[in-house]
Protein backbone atom coordinates (compact mmCIF):
# COMPACT_ATOMS: atom_id res chain seq x y z
CA MET A 1 15.12 11.08 -3.63
CA SER A 2 14.37 8.14 -5.89
CA ARG A 3 11.80 5.47 -5.04
CA THR A 4 11.49 1.89 -6.16
CA GLN A 5 8.57 -0.32 -5.24
CA ILE A 6 10.27 -3.66 -4.80
CA PHE A 7 7.11 -5.76 -4.58
CA ALA A 8 3.49 -5.97 -3.58
CA LEU A 9 2.22 -9.44 -2.68
CA LEU A 10 -1.51 -10.11 -2.38
CA VAL A 11 -2.87 -12.89 -0.17
CA ALA A 12 -6.60 -13.47 0.28
CA ALA A 13 -8.18 -14.86 3.42
CA ALA A 14 -11.73 -15.18 4.71
CA GLY A 15 -13.22 -11.73 4.17
CA SER A 16 -9.92 -9.89 3.84
CA MET A 17 -7.03 -9.30 1.49
CA TYR A 18 -3.54 -8.81 2.89
CA VAL A 19 -1.05 -6.90 0.77
CA GLN A 20 2.61 -6.91 1.68
CA TYR A 21 4.62 -3.97 0.34
CA ALA A 22 8.31 -3.15 0.14
CA TYR A 23 9.73 0.17 -1.03
CA ALA A 24 13.35 1.26 -1.29
CA PHE A 25 14.41 4.91 -1.25
CA GLU A 26 17.84 6.21 -2.20
CA LYS A 27 19.04 9.58 -0.99
CA ASN A 28 22.58 10.90 -0.90
CA GLY A 29 24.02 7.45 -1.54
CA GLU A 30 22.06 5.89 1.35
CA THR A 31 19.12 3.48 1.04
CA ALA A 32 16.11 3.13 3.31
CA ILE A 33 13.67 0.24 2.91
CA PHE A 34 10.07 0.27 4.14
CA THR A 35 8.28 -3.06 4.49
CA PHE A 36 4.74 -3.38 5.80
CA SER A 37 1.45 -5.23 5.35
CA LEU A 38 -2.05 -3.80 5.00
CA ARG A 39 -5.39 -5.54 5.38
CA PHE A 40 -8.25 -4.64 3.04
CA PRO A 41 -11.80 -5.97 2.98
CA GLN A 42 -12.83 -8.18 0.08
CA CYS A 43 -15.38 -5.85 -1.46
CA GLY A 44 -16.98 -8.69 -3.42
CA ASN A 45 -18.35 -10.07 -0.15
CA TYR A 46 -20.66 -7.05 0.26
CA ASP A 47 -24.05 -6.43 -1.30
CA GLU A 48 -24.74 -3.25 -3.24
CA PRO A 49 -24.43 -0.36 -2.56
CA LYS A 50 -21.75 -1.18 0.04
CA ARG A 51 -19.77 -3.16 -2.58
CA SER A 52 -19.48 -0.14 -4.90
CA GLU A 53 -18.57 2.12 -1.98
CA CYS A 54 -15.87 -0.32 -0.86
CA GLU A 55 -14.46 -0.64 -4.38
CA GLY A 56 -14.40 3.14 -4.79
CA GLU A 57 -12.50 3.59 -1.55
CA ARG A 58 -10.01 0.91 -2.55
CA GLU A 59 -9.41 2.50 -5.96
CA ALA A 60 -8.95 5.94 -4.39
CA PHE A 61 -6.45 4.67 -1.79
CA ASP A 62 -3.02 5.96 -2.84
CA ILE A 63 -0.41 3.92 -0.99
CA ASP A 64 2.40 5.25 -3.20
CA GLY A 65 1.54 8.83 -2.22
CA ILE A 66 1.43 7.94 1.47
CA VAL A 67 4.79 6.19 1.31
CA GLU A 68 6.30 9.12 -0.64
CA ARG A 69 5.18 11.53 2.10
CA MET A 70 6.63 9.25 4.79
CA ALA A 71 9.93 9.01 2.94
CA ALA A 72 10.11 12.79 2.60
CA THR A 73 10.41 12.98 6.39
CA LEU A 74 13.51 10.76 6.48
CA SER A 75 16.82 12.28 7.38
CA PHE A 76 20.12 10.53 6.72
């Protein structure tokens, strides 16, 4: 199964960041597209040590891996 991340759009709002994702998966000549939005806190709004903790969690968050696991459950 091949994956293509079509786009990730970042929009900031008061205290939060919203990221809109789109992924396309091709399998056996068929294509599935996942589109979704996620809300993340703006880590810069926090004081230390919460800011560093927030930034570490954000860096460790693996959306590609999560989407890959979801796509692996698809059946065409």
